[in-house]
Structures are given as structure tokens and as C-alpha cells.
N, C-alpha and C. Protein backbone atom coordinates (compact mmCIF):
# COMPACT_ATOMS: atom_id res chain seq x y z
N UNK A 1 -17.20 1.10 36.75
CA UNK A 1 -18.49 1.41 36.19
C UNK A 1 -19.43 0.24 35.95
N UNK A 2 -20.78 0.30 35.77
CA UNK A 2 -21.22 -0.56 35.72
C UNK A 2 -21.65 -1.20 34.32
N UNK A 3 -21.61 -2.21 33.88
CA UNK A 3 -21.89 -2.58 32.52
C UNK A 3 -22.55 -3.83 32.55
N UNK A 4 -23.85 -3.74 31.41
CA UNK A 4 -24.50 -4.77 31.40
C UNK A 4 -23.90 -5.43 29.88
N UNK A 5 -24.00 -6.90 29.84
CA UNK A 5 -23.84 -7.35 28.47
C UNK A 5 -24.82 -8.27 28.13
N UNK A 6 -25.72 -8.20 27.10
CA UNK A 6 -26.64 -9.02 26.67
C UNK A 6 -26.66 -9.20 25.25
N UNK A 7 -27.47 -10.70 24.66
CA UNK A 7 -27.57 -10.81 23.13
C UNK A 7 -28.72 -9.95 23.03
N UNK A 8 -28.38 -9.06 21.61
CA UNK A 8 -29.13 -8.14 21.19
C UNK A 8 -29.31 -8.44 19.72
N UNK A 9 -30.30 -7.69 18.93
CA UNK A 9 -29.98 -7.61 17.33
C UNK A 9 -29.42 -6.75 17.08
N UNK A 10 -28.67 -6.76 16.04
CA UNK A 10 -27.60 -5.76 15.61
C UNK A 10 -28.39 -4.41 14.75
N UNK A 11 -29.69 -4.86 14.50
CA UNK A 11 -30.47 -4.26 13.87
C UNK A 11 -31.30 -2.89 14.53
N UNK A 12 -30.47 -2.38 15.66
CA UNK A 12 -30.89 -0.89 16.30
C UNK A 12 -29.87 -0.28 15.95
N UNK A 13 -30.59 1.29 16.01
CA UNK A 13 -29.61 2.30 15.52
C UNK A 13 -28.31 2.46 16.34
N UNK A 14 -28.31 2.43 17.61
CA UNK A 14 -26.93 2.66 18.32
C UNK A 14 -26.25 1.10 18.17
N UNK A 15 -26.56 -0.01 17.59
CA UNK A 15 -25.56 -1.05 17.24
C UNK A 15 -24.80 -0.67 16.07
N UNK A 16 -25.93 -0.41 15.03
CA UNK A 16 -25.43 0.15 13.69
C UNK A 16 -24.53 1.45 14.07
N UNK A 17 -24.48 2.38 14.82
CA UNK A 17 -23.41 3.18 15.39
C UNK A 17 -22.24 2.64 15.68
N UNK A 18 -22.21 1.72 16.56
CA UNK A 18 -21.05 0.81 16.99
C UNK A 18 -20.32 0.24 15.81
N UNK A 19 -21.06 -0.34 14.83
CA UNK A 19 -20.58 -1.10 13.79
C UNK A 19 -19.90 0.11 12.82
N UNK A 20 -20.58 1.19 12.53
CA UNK A 20 -19.89 2.37 11.80
C UNK A 20 -18.77 2.90 12.60
N UNK A 21 -18.58 3.04 14.11
CA UNK A 21 -17.30 3.45 14.36
C UNK A 21 -16.19 2.35 14.24
N UNK A 22 -16.64 1.31 14.25
CA UNK A 22 -15.42 -0.03 14.45
C UNK A 22 -15.07 -0.02 12.61
N UNK A 23 -15.76 0.42 11.78
CA UNK A 23 -15.39 0.37 10.48
C UNK A 23 -14.56 1.64 10.04
N UNK A 24 -15.00 2.69 10.83
CA UNK A 24 -13.87 4.09 10.68
C UNK A 24 -12.73 3.53 11.30
N UNK A 25 -12.73 2.95 12.54
CA UNK A 25 -11.59 2.73 13.18
C UNK A 25 -10.73 2.12 12.27
N UNK A 26 -11.05 0.88 11.45
CA UNK A 26 -10.45 0.04 11.05
C UNK A 26 -10.06 0.41 9.46
N UNK A 27 -10.62 1.59 8.88
CA UNK A 27 -10.31 1.75 7.69
C UNK A 27 -8.96 2.14 7.17
N UNK A 28 -8.22 2.95 8.13
CA UNK A 28 -6.98 3.24 7.96
C UNK A 28 -5.99 2.43 8.16
N UNK A 29 -6.45 1.23 8.65
CA UNK A 29 -5.32 0.36 9.24
C UNK A 29 -4.90 -0.54 8.26
N UNK A 30 -5.80 -0.91 7.44
CA UNK A 30 -5.33 -1.94 6.25
C UNK A 30 -6.06 -1.74 4.84
N UNK A 31 -5.35 -2.22 3.81
CA UNK A 31 -6.23 -2.32 2.56
C UNK A 31 -7.57 -3.06 2.68
N UNK A 32 -8.38 -2.22 1.90
CA UNK A 32 -10.10 -2.78 1.93
C UNK A 32 -9.88 -4.41 1.92
N UNK A 33 -9.08 -4.78 0.92
CA UNK A 33 -9.49 -6.37 0.75
C UNK A 33 -8.98 -7.12 1.73
N UNK A 34 -8.33 -6.59 2.58
CA UNK A 34 -7.77 -7.48 4.13
C UNK A 34 -8.58 -6.97 5.15
N UNK A 35 -9.84 -6.43 4.83
CA UNK A 35 -10.80 -6.15 5.98
C UNK A 35 -12.03 -6.76 5.74
N UNK A 36 -12.32 -7.74 6.40
CA UNK A 36 -13.24 -8.80 6.55
C UNK A 36 -14.52 -8.59 7.20
N UNK A 37 -15.18 -7.37 6.89
CA UNK A 37 -16.48 -7.07 7.84
C UNK A 37 -17.41 -7.67 7.48
N UNK A 38 -18.26 -7.92 8.51
CA UNK A 38 -19.70 -8.37 8.52
C UNK A 38 -20.48 -7.09 8.61
N UNK A 39 -21.32 -7.35 7.64
CA UNK A 39 -22.47 -6.16 7.76
C UNK A 39 -23.28 -6.34 9.06
N UNK A 40 -24.20 -5.35 9.06
CA UNK A 40 -25.33 -5.58 10.25
C UNK A 40 -26.28 -6.34 9.95
N UNK A 41 -26.78 -6.62 8.56
CA UNK A 41 -27.57 -7.75 7.85
C UNK A 41 -26.85 -9.06 8.48
N UNK A 42 -25.75 -9.24 7.82
CA UNK A 42 -24.84 -10.59 8.31
C UNK A 42 -24.78 -10.67 9.45
N UNK A 43 -24.72 -9.84 10.52
CA UNK A 43 -24.54 -9.97 11.74
C UNK A 43 -25.85 -10.60 12.45
N UNK A 44 -27.04 -10.27 11.73
CA UNK A 44 -28.21 -10.56 12.17
C UNK A 44 -29.05 -11.77 11.69
N UNK A 45 -27.99 -12.69 11.17
CA UNK A 45 -28.14 -13.96 10.47
C UNK A 45 -28.45 -15.10 11.63
N UNK A 46 -28.92 -16.21 11.55
CA UNK A 46 -29.34 -17.00 12.46
C UNK A 46 -27.78 -17.89 12.79
N UNK A 47 -26.67 -17.67 11.91
CA UNK A 47 -25.47 -18.48 12.46
C UNK A 47 -24.64 -17.39 13.41
N UNK A 48 -25.32 -16.09 13.65
CA UNK A 48 -24.55 -15.07 14.47
C UNK A 48 -25.21 -14.75 15.79
N UNK A 49 -24.71 -14.66 16.69
CA UNK A 49 -25.09 -13.87 18.00
C UNK A 49 -24.34 -13.07 18.48
N UNK A 50 -25.18 -11.71 18.44
CA UNK A 50 -24.39 -10.64 18.98
C UNK A 50 -24.82 -10.24 20.44
N UNK A 51 -23.43 -9.90 20.83
CA UNK A 51 -23.50 -9.52 22.40
C UNK A 51 -23.41 -7.56 22.44
N UNK A 52 -24.16 -7.01 23.23
CA UNK A 52 -23.72 -5.55 23.04
C UNK A 52 -23.73 -5.20 24.77
N UNK A 53 -22.62 -4.55 24.92
CA UNK A 53 -22.59 -3.85 26.40
C UNK A 53 -23.15 -2.50 26.47
N UNK A 54 -23.46 -2.32 27.59
CA UNK A 54 -24.42 -1.22 27.67
C UNK A 54 -23.84 -0.44 29.19
N UNK A 55 -23.74 0.59 29.03
CA UNK A 55 -23.49 1.33 30.35
C UNK A 55 -24.59 1.65 31.23
N UNK A 56 -24.48 2.17 32.64
CA UNK A 56 -25.69 2.19 33.47
C UNK A 56 -26.82 3.17 32.89
N UNK A 57 -26.43 3.85 31.77
CA UNK A 57 -27.43 4.73 31.16
C UNK A 57 -28.20 4.25 30.06
N UNK A 58 -27.80 2.84 29.61
CA UNK A 58 -28.28 2.11 28.54
C UNK A 58 -27.57 2.53 27.12
N UNK A 59 -26.49 3.12 27.13
CA UNK A 59 -25.76 3.46 25.93
C UNK A 59 -25.33 2.45 25.60
N UNK A 60 -25.19 1.95 24.28
CA UNK A 60 -24.31 0.91 23.78
C UNK A 60 -22.70 1.35 23.57
N UNK A 61 -21.76 0.82 24.32
CA UNK A 61 -20.51 0.92 24.76
C UNK A 61 -19.72 -0.21 23.72
N UNK A 62 -20.09 -1.20 23.51
CA UNK A 62 -19.31 -2.09 22.90
C UNK A 62 -20.19 -3.21 22.23
N UNK A 63 -19.40 -4.08 21.57
CA UNK A 63 -20.13 -5.14 21.02
C UNK A 63 -18.96 -6.25 20.61
N UNK A 64 -19.58 -7.50 20.60
CA UNK A 64 -18.55 -8.70 19.69
C UNK A 64 -19.89 -9.64 19.37
N UNK A 65 -19.06 -10.66 18.43
CA UNK A 65 -20.38 -11.63 17.99
C UNK A 65 -19.48 -12.78 17.98
N UNK A 66 -20.55 -14.18 18.06
CA UNK A 66 -20.04 -15.41 17.72
C UNK A 66 -20.63 -15.89 16.71
N UNK A 67 -20.01 -16.23 15.39
CA UNK A 67 -20.24 -16.94 14.29
C UNK A 67 -20.11 -18.05 14.12
N UNK A 68 -21.13 -18.89 14.28
CA UNK A 68 -20.89 -20.58 13.94
C UNK A 68 -20.45 -20.91 12.66
N UNK A 69 -19.45 -21.80 12.39
CA UNK A 69 -19.31 -21.91 10.90
C UNK A 69 -19.53 -23.70 10.99
N UNK A 70 -19.68 -24.22 12.09
CA UNK A 70 -19.68 -25.96 12.24
C UNK A 70 -20.14 -26.08 13.67
N UNK A 71 -20.32 -27.36 13.68
CA UNK A 71 -20.79 -27.88 15.37
C UNK A 71 -19.75 -27.55 16.34
N UNK A 72 -18.45 -27.70 15.79
CA UNK A 72 -17.34 -27.69 16.42
C UNK A 72 -16.49 -26.21 16.30
N UNK A 73 -16.81 -25.71 15.39
CA UNK A 73 -15.87 -24.05 14.95
C UNK A 73 -16.83 -22.82 15.02
N UNK A 74 -16.45 -22.01 16.16
CA UNK A 74 -17.08 -20.68 16.10
C UNK A 74 -16.02 -19.55 15.72
N UNK A 75 -16.35 -18.32 15.33
CA UNK A 75 -15.57 -17.48 15.21
C UNK A 75 -16.03 -16.08 15.84
N UNK A 76 -15.18 -15.39 16.71
CA UNK A 76 -15.09 -14.12 17.26
C UNK A 76 -15.12 -13.05 15.92
N UNK A 77 -16.24 -12.22 15.92
CA UNK A 77 -16.37 -11.27 15.11
C UNK A 77 -16.81 -9.90 15.19
N UNK A 78 -16.64 -8.55 14.94
CA UNK A 78 -17.06 -7.32 15.28
C UNK A 78 -16.79 -6.96 16.81
N UNK A 79 -15.68 -7.26 17.16
CA UNK A 79 -15.23 -6.90 18.46
C UNK A 79 -14.80 -5.42 18.65
N UNK A 80 -15.71 -4.84 19.31
CA UNK A 80 -15.27 -3.28 19.21
C UNK A 80 -15.85 -2.62 20.75
N UNK A 81 -15.00 -1.75 21.26
CA UNK A 81 -15.32 -1.17 22.43
C UNK A 81 -15.22 0.87 22.22
N UNK A 82 -16.10 1.30 22.39
CA UNK A 82 -15.90 3.01 22.15
C UNK A 82 -14.79 3.29 23.10
N UNK A 83 -14.02 3.96 22.21
CA UNK A 83 -12.56 4.73 22.92
C UNK A 83 -12.64 5.22 24.37
N UNK A 84 -13.89 5.75 24.88
CA UNK A 84 -13.90 6.33 26.20
C UNK A 84 -14.14 5.07 27.38
N UNK A 85 -13.84 3.90 27.06
CA UNK A 85 -14.51 2.91 27.63
C UNK A 85 -13.32 1.62 27.68
N UNK A 86 -12.31 2.10 26.73
CA UNK A 86 -11.37 1.00 26.61
C UNK A 86 -10.24 1.31 27.80
N UNK A 87 -10.01 -0.11 28.41
CA UNK A 87 -8.95 -0.26 29.45
C UNK A 87 -10.24 -0.43 30.77
N UNK A 88 -11.30 -0.61 30.26
CA UNK A 88 -11.98 -0.67 31.73
C UNK A 88 -12.89 -2.16 31.57
N UNK A 89 -12.22 -2.94 30.88
CA UNK A 89 -12.55 -4.39 30.83
C UNK A 89 -13.78 -4.64 30.24
N UNK A 90 -14.36 -3.86 29.25
CA UNK A 90 -15.70 -4.15 28.74
C UNK A 90 -15.40 -5.28 27.51
N UNK A 91 -14.28 -4.85 26.72
CA UNK A 91 -13.80 -5.81 25.84
C UNK A 91 -13.62 -7.47 26.36
N UNK A 92 -12.97 -7.39 27.44
CA UNK A 92 -12.82 -8.53 28.21
C UNK A 92 -14.27 -9.48 28.40
N UNK A 93 -15.02 -8.49 29.01
CA UNK A 93 -16.41 -9.02 29.43
C UNK A 93 -17.14 -9.30 28.21
N UNK A 94 -17.27 -8.61 27.08
CA UNK A 94 -17.72 -9.15 26.09
C UNK A 94 -17.09 -10.57 25.62
N UNK A 95 -15.58 -10.68 25.51
CA UNK A 95 -14.91 -11.92 25.04
C UNK A 95 -15.64 -12.99 26.03
N UNK A 96 -15.62 -12.47 27.09
CA UNK A 96 -16.10 -13.89 28.15
C UNK A 96 -17.41 -14.57 27.92
N UNK A 97 -18.19 -13.34 27.37
CA UNK A 97 -19.62 -13.65 27.03
C UNK A 97 -19.83 -14.68 25.78
N UNK A 98 -18.92 -14.40 24.94
CA UNK A 98 -18.68 -14.76 23.53
C UNK A 98 -18.11 -16.54 23.67
N UNK A 99 -17.16 -16.62 24.49
CA UNK A 99 -16.67 -17.77 24.70
C UNK A 99 -17.68 -18.71 25.55
N UNK A 100 -18.03 -17.82 26.61
CA UNK A 100 -19.07 -18.88 27.26
C UNK A 100 -20.30 -19.27 26.55
N UNK A 101 -20.77 -18.44 25.43
CA UNK A 101 -21.73 -19.09 24.79
C UNK A 101 -21.22 -20.52 23.84
N UNK A 102 -19.87 -20.09 23.21
CA UNK A 102 -19.02 -21.22 22.72
C UNK A 102 -19.00 -22.32 23.41
N UNK A 103 -18.96 -22.30 24.61
CA UNK A 103 -19.00 -23.49 25.75
C UNK A 103 -20.16 -24.05 25.79
N UNK A 104 -21.36 -23.32 26.07
CA UNK A 104 -22.59 -23.79 26.07
C UNK A 104 -22.93 -24.64 24.78
N UNK A 105 -22.22 -24.18 23.67
CA UNK A 105 -22.72 -24.89 22.03
C UNK A 105 -21.72 -26.11 22.08
N UNK A 106 -20.94 -26.22 23.15
CA UNK A 106 -20.25 -27.68 22.65
C UNK A 106 -19.27 -27.53 21.74
N UNK A 107 -18.81 -26.15 21.37
CA UNK A 107 -17.69 -26.01 20.29
C UNK A 107 -16.32 -26.54 20.90
N UNK A 108 -15.44 -27.05 19.95
CA UNK A 108 -13.91 -27.35 20.48
C UNK A 108 -13.35 -26.48 20.29
N UNK A 109 -13.35 -25.28 19.21
CA UNK A 109 -12.37 -24.39 19.26
C UNK A 109 -13.27 -23.06 18.85
N UNK A 110 -12.73 -21.96 19.31
CA UNK A 110 -13.08 -20.72 18.67
C UNK A 110 -11.91 -20.04 17.82
N UNK A 111 -12.00 -19.45 16.98
CA UNK A 111 -10.81 -18.62 16.20
C UNK A 111 -11.52 -17.20 15.92
N UNK A 112 -10.59 -16.66 15.63
CA UNK A 112 -10.65 -15.11 15.27
C UNK A 112 -9.54 -14.59 14.23
N UNK A 113 -9.73 -13.67 13.56
CA UNK A 113 -8.98 -12.79 12.76
C UNK A 113 -8.99 -11.65 12.95
N UNK A 114 -7.92 -10.90 13.22
CA UNK A 114 -7.84 -9.63 13.25
C UNK A 114 -6.73 -8.85 12.63
N UNK A 115 -6.66 -7.37 12.38
CA UNK A 115 -5.56 -6.69 11.83
C UNK A 115 -4.33 -6.51 12.41
N UNK A 116 -3.48 -6.14 12.14
CA UNK A 116 -1.99 -6.14 12.68
C UNK A 116 -1.51 -4.53 12.70
N UNK A 117 -0.67 -4.29 13.70
CA UNK A 117 0.09 -2.97 13.67
C UNK A 117 -0.28 -2.24 14.94
N UNK A 118 0.02 -1.09 15.20
CA UNK A 118 -0.02 -0.40 16.21
C UNK A 118 -1.63 -0.24 16.83
N UNK A 119 -2.39 0.18 15.54
CA UNK A 119 -3.89 0.33 15.63
C UNK A 119 -4.61 -0.93 16.09
N UNK A 120 -3.94 -2.23 16.12
CA UNK A 120 -4.53 -3.55 16.67
C UNK A 120 -3.98 -4.03 17.82
N UNK A 121 -2.82 -3.37 18.61
CA UNK A 121 -2.06 -3.74 19.61
C UNK A 121 -3.04 -4.10 20.96
N UNK A 122 -4.02 -3.24 21.25
CA UNK A 122 -4.80 -3.13 22.49
C UNK A 122 -5.60 -4.69 21.85
N UNK A 123 -6.11 -5.05 21.09
CA UNK A 123 -7.00 -6.15 20.49
C UNK A 123 -6.23 -7.30 20.69
N UNK A 124 -4.59 -7.15 20.47
CA UNK A 124 -3.98 -8.57 20.32
C UNK A 124 -3.68 -8.92 22.15
N UNK A 125 -3.58 -7.81 22.71
CA UNK A 125 -3.49 -8.26 24.27
C UNK A 125 -4.65 -8.61 24.89
N UNK A 126 -5.90 -8.02 24.61
CA UNK A 126 -7.07 -8.55 24.93
C UNK A 126 -7.35 -10.11 24.82
N UNK A 127 -6.95 -10.34 23.32
CA UNK A 127 -7.01 -11.95 23.10
C UNK A 127 -6.02 -12.71 23.87
N UNK A 128 -4.75 -12.08 23.90
CA UNK A 128 -3.87 -13.43 24.63
C UNK A 128 -4.07 -13.23 26.08
N UNK A 129 -4.50 -12.23 26.66
CA UNK A 129 -4.82 -12.29 27.94
C UNK A 129 -5.84 -13.28 28.14
N UNK A 130 -6.89 -13.14 27.32
CA UNK A 130 -7.92 -14.23 27.31
C UNK A 130 -7.64 -15.55 27.19
N UNK A 131 -6.50 -16.06 26.72
CA UNK A 131 -6.33 -17.15 26.38
C UNK A 131 -6.03 -17.64 25.18
N UNK A 132 -6.25 -16.87 24.24
CA UNK A 132 -6.26 -17.24 22.47
C UNK A 132 -4.69 -17.33 22.43
N UNK A 133 -4.43 -18.06 21.56
CA UNK A 133 -3.13 -18.28 20.99
C UNK A 133 -3.15 -17.97 19.62
N UNK A 134 -1.76 -17.40 19.27
CA UNK A 134 -1.60 -17.25 17.96
C UNK A 134 -1.60 -18.62 16.63
N UNK A 135 -2.16 -18.56 15.51
CA UNK A 135 -2.19 -19.65 14.82
C UNK A 135 -2.15 -18.99 13.37
N UNK A 136 -2.16 -20.19 12.32
CA UNK A 136 -2.24 -19.60 10.91
C UNK A 136 -3.39 -19.29 10.40
N UNK A 137 -3.62 -18.99 9.21
CA UNK A 137 -4.79 -18.53 8.81
C UNK A 137 -5.82 -19.79 8.71
N UNK A 138 -7.14 -19.29 8.78
CA UNK A 138 -7.99 -20.48 8.64
C UNK A 138 -9.32 -20.02 7.71
N UNK A 139 -10.12 -21.07 7.48
CA UNK A 139 -11.36 -20.98 6.27
C UNK A 139 -10.78 -20.24 5.63
N UNK A 140 -11.47 -19.36 4.75
CA UNK A 140 -11.03 -18.89 3.51
C UNK A 140 -10.27 -17.56 3.83
N UNK A 141 -9.55 -16.98 4.96
CA UNK A 141 -8.86 -15.80 5.02
C UNK A 141 -7.34 -16.30 4.43
N UNK A 142 -6.94 -15.20 3.64
CA UNK A 142 -5.85 -15.26 2.96
C UNK A 142 -4.67 -15.10 4.16
N UNK A 143 -3.48 -15.63 4.04
CA UNK A 143 -2.24 -15.29 5.14
C UNK A 143 -1.72 -14.12 4.39
N UNK A 144 -1.61 -13.05 5.34
CA UNK A 144 -0.93 -12.08 4.93
C UNK A 144 -0.43 -11.04 5.93
N UNK A 145 0.38 -10.12 5.60
CA UNK A 145 1.10 -9.37 6.79
C UNK A 145 -0.09 -8.36 7.34
N UNK A 146 -1.11 -8.27 6.74
CA UNK A 146 -2.53 -7.57 7.20
C UNK A 146 -3.21 -8.15 8.29
N UNK A 147 -3.08 -9.50 8.46
CA UNK A 147 -3.97 -10.08 9.50
C UNK A 147 -3.30 -11.02 10.57
N UNK A 148 -3.68 -11.08 11.64
CA UNK A 148 -3.13 -11.77 12.78
C UNK A 148 -4.63 -13.04 13.28
N UNK A 149 -4.16 -14.14 13.15
CA UNK A 149 -5.01 -15.11 13.53
C UNK A 149 -4.92 -15.83 15.20
N UNK A 150 -5.97 -16.02 15.76
CA UNK A 150 -5.83 -16.55 17.13
C UNK A 150 -6.95 -17.75 17.08
N UNK A 151 -6.43 -18.23 18.16
CA UNK A 151 -7.68 -19.62 18.58
C UNK A 151 -7.64 -20.05 20.06
N UNK A 152 -8.80 -20.68 20.21
CA UNK A 152 -8.94 -20.85 21.83
C UNK A 152 -9.63 -22.36 21.53
N UNK A 153 -8.60 -23.28 21.93
CA UNK A 153 -9.28 -24.73 21.96
C UNK A 153 -10.12 -24.52 23.54
N UNK A 154 -11.39 -25.13 23.28
CA UNK A 154 -12.27 -25.40 24.57
C UNK A 154 -12.10 -26.69 25.20
N UNK A 155 -12.02 -26.74 26.37
CA UNK A 155 -12.18 -27.92 27.11
C UNK A 155 -13.77 -27.91 27.34
N UNK A 156 -14.29 -28.76 27.42
CA UNK A 156 -15.93 -28.67 27.77
C UNK A 156 -15.98 -28.76 29.32
N UNK A 157 -15.07 -29.14 30.30
CA UNK A 157 -15.18 -29.12 31.52
C UNK A 157 -15.11 -27.46 31.97
N UNK A 158 -16.37 -27.04 32.69
CA UNK A 158 -16.22 -25.82 33.35
C UNK A 158 -15.30 -25.78 34.69
N UNK A 159 -14.67 -24.65 34.74
CA UNK A 159 -14.05 -24.46 36.01
C UNK A 159 -14.81 -24.44 37.36
N UNK A 160 -14.66 -25.24 38.43
CA UNK A 160 -15.40 -25.21 39.71
C UNK A 160 -15.49 -23.82 40.55
């Protein structure tokens, strides 16, 4: 399957649809107070870069974002792929694009918060396969049984 990934505005109907499907997926997995969702308007802020994956027909099939917290720290936000493309490396390609941008920006660390439980097992596998390691809570996220925290320290040397 041919997939293209590009930086796009989240203020498009098809990207709004991805956000809505992500929210629907997350809703039953944890209490609302432990769901740290960015709205589409927040995703469109100057501190956030949104990547959209599209199939060969141009349909939006996945997304992910890099939110900058400082000159050293970035956070992966709103990672999602449609169910019909899971297992086809769309999520991996999105995550590679996000980490690549973090490297371009000379960030020293990329972090992420995600849910726990069976509904998030695929996401955990993606993050650990991609080089993220578990860590404790960061920023203003509370430590809880509903959240898992990951980080990827970035060396600034690019592989040959």
C-alpha cells in the first residue's frame, strides 16, 4: 500500500474525522479525567506540527503530532491510524516523521503519554519497537494506572 505523509493543518474535515475517530476509540478505555486530548484548534497552534498519512487515493488514514514544550523537549500527541490500515506500518511511518522533525529541531528528548490496557497494546508495541522506553510521569500529567509514559532520548548524530 502506497502511503504519503506530510505536514498538514488539522483544520480540514478529513483530519477532524480522524480526531473524532481517535476520541471515540479512547472514550471507553479510561475515565475522562485521564484522557489528555488536544482539540483540533490546539493542534493548529504554533507549538504543534501535525503529520497526516494519506493512501494512494488521498484519503486521510492516520495522523500524529509533535508538540514543542521547550528547546529540548517535544511530545508525541494524537497518534492514530484507521482500523483498516493497522498493522501496515502507517503508525511507524508517522512516528518516524515525528521523531525526524524532533531531530531536525535538535530536541534532546521526545516523550509521550498514552493509555493502558488491551485497547492500547498495539500502541505500546509501536512505541517500544520504535525505540521508546518506559519512564515516569512528566510535565503536569498525573501518575496513574490509566497512563503509560514513554521517552526517546535523541542523539543528534544521524545514522549513516
